[in-house]
Protein backbone atom coordinates (compact mmCIF):
# COMPACT_ATOMS: atom_id res chain seq x y z
CA MET A 1 97.81 117.01 67.43
CA PHE A 2 98.46 117.30 63.62
CA GLY A 3 100.99 115.99 61.50
CA LEU A 4 102.63 118.04 58.99
CA SER A 5 100.53 116.44 55.79
CA GLU A 6 97.33 117.26 57.86
CA VAL A 7 98.33 121.01 57.94
CA ALA A 8 99.43 121.08 54.45
CA LEU A 9 96.10 119.43 53.53
CA LEU A 10 93.95 121.81 55.61
CA LEU A 11 95.97 124.82 54.04
CA ILE A 12 95.19 123.72 50.72
CA VAL A 13 91.30 123.38 51.54
CA LEU A 14 91.27 127.07 53.06
CA ILE A 15 92.92 128.38 49.79
CA VAL A 16 90.41 126.64 47.53
CA LEU A 17 87.38 127.47 49.93
CA LEU A 18 88.51 130.76 50.80
CA GLY A 19 90.39 132.42 47.72
CA VAL A 20 93.65 133.71 47.39
CA ARG A 21 92.09 137.39 47.95
CA LYS A 22 90.41 136.44 51.56
CA LEU A 23 93.14 134.51 52.60
CA PRO A 24 95.52 137.36 54.30
CA GLY A 25 92.83 139.13 56.01
CA LEU A 26 92.16 135.73 57.51
CA VAL A 27 95.60 135.24 58.81
CA ARG A 28 95.67 138.68 59.95
CA SER A 29 92.64 138.22 61.94
CA ALA A 30 93.76 135.02 63.47
CA GLY A 31 97.23 136.63 64.42
CA GLN A 32 95.34 139.68 65.68
CA ALA A 33 92.91 137.30 67.86
CA THR A 34 95.77 135.16 69.41
CA ARG A 35 97.90 138.41 70.38
CA ILE A 36 94.44 139.31 72.22
CA PHE A 37 94.29 136.15 73.91
CA LYS A 38 97.65 135.65 75.21
CA SER A 39 97.47 139.28 76.56
CA GLU A 40 94.46 138.62 78.45
CA ALA A 41 95.79 135.67 79.95
CA ARG A 42 98.94 137.07 81.19
CA ALA A 43 96.64 139.98 82.67
CA LEU A 44 94.68 137.17 84.34
CA ARG A 45 97.85 135.74 85.63
CA THR A 46 99.15 138.98 86.65
CA GLN A 47 96.33 139.88 88.51
CA ASP A 48 95.75 137.31 91.09
CA THR A 49 99.48 138.47 92.34
CA PRO A 50 99.20 141.03 95.24
CA PRO A 51 101.41 144.20 93.84
CA ALA A 52 104.79 144.63 94.93
CA THR A 53 104.86 146.92 98.03
CA GLY A 54 108.08 148.89 99.02
CA PRO A 55 110.41 147.90 101.61
CA VAL A 56 109.08 147.20 104.99
CA ILE A 57 110.23 149.32 107.66
CA GLU A 58 110.09 147.72 111.00
CA GLY A 59 108.85 149.60 113.97
CA THR A 60 106.06 150.07 116.71
CA VAL A 61 102.64 151.38 115.99
CA LEU A 62 101.73 154.21 118.98
CA PRO A 63 98.49 155.04 119.77
CA ARG A 64 96.50 158.22 118.48
CA ASP A 65 97.02 160.16 121.16
CA GLU A 66 100.79 159.23 121.86
CA ARG A 67 101.72 160.64 118.18
CA SER A 68 102.99 163.95 117.71
């Protein structure tokens, strides 16, 4: 990945290129995109698992004509 010096250099380049006025909006958008990505990934993980059901009651199933 990146070391501390590379991250600092990248931040300096971003500040120079984008200017100080646009940087807070950019960081806010990046944070929002990260939150959306994490919530969608979490939803996909929970979508694959079957929903929890109530307690299982053991018994026998009677044919339709024997039910009261």
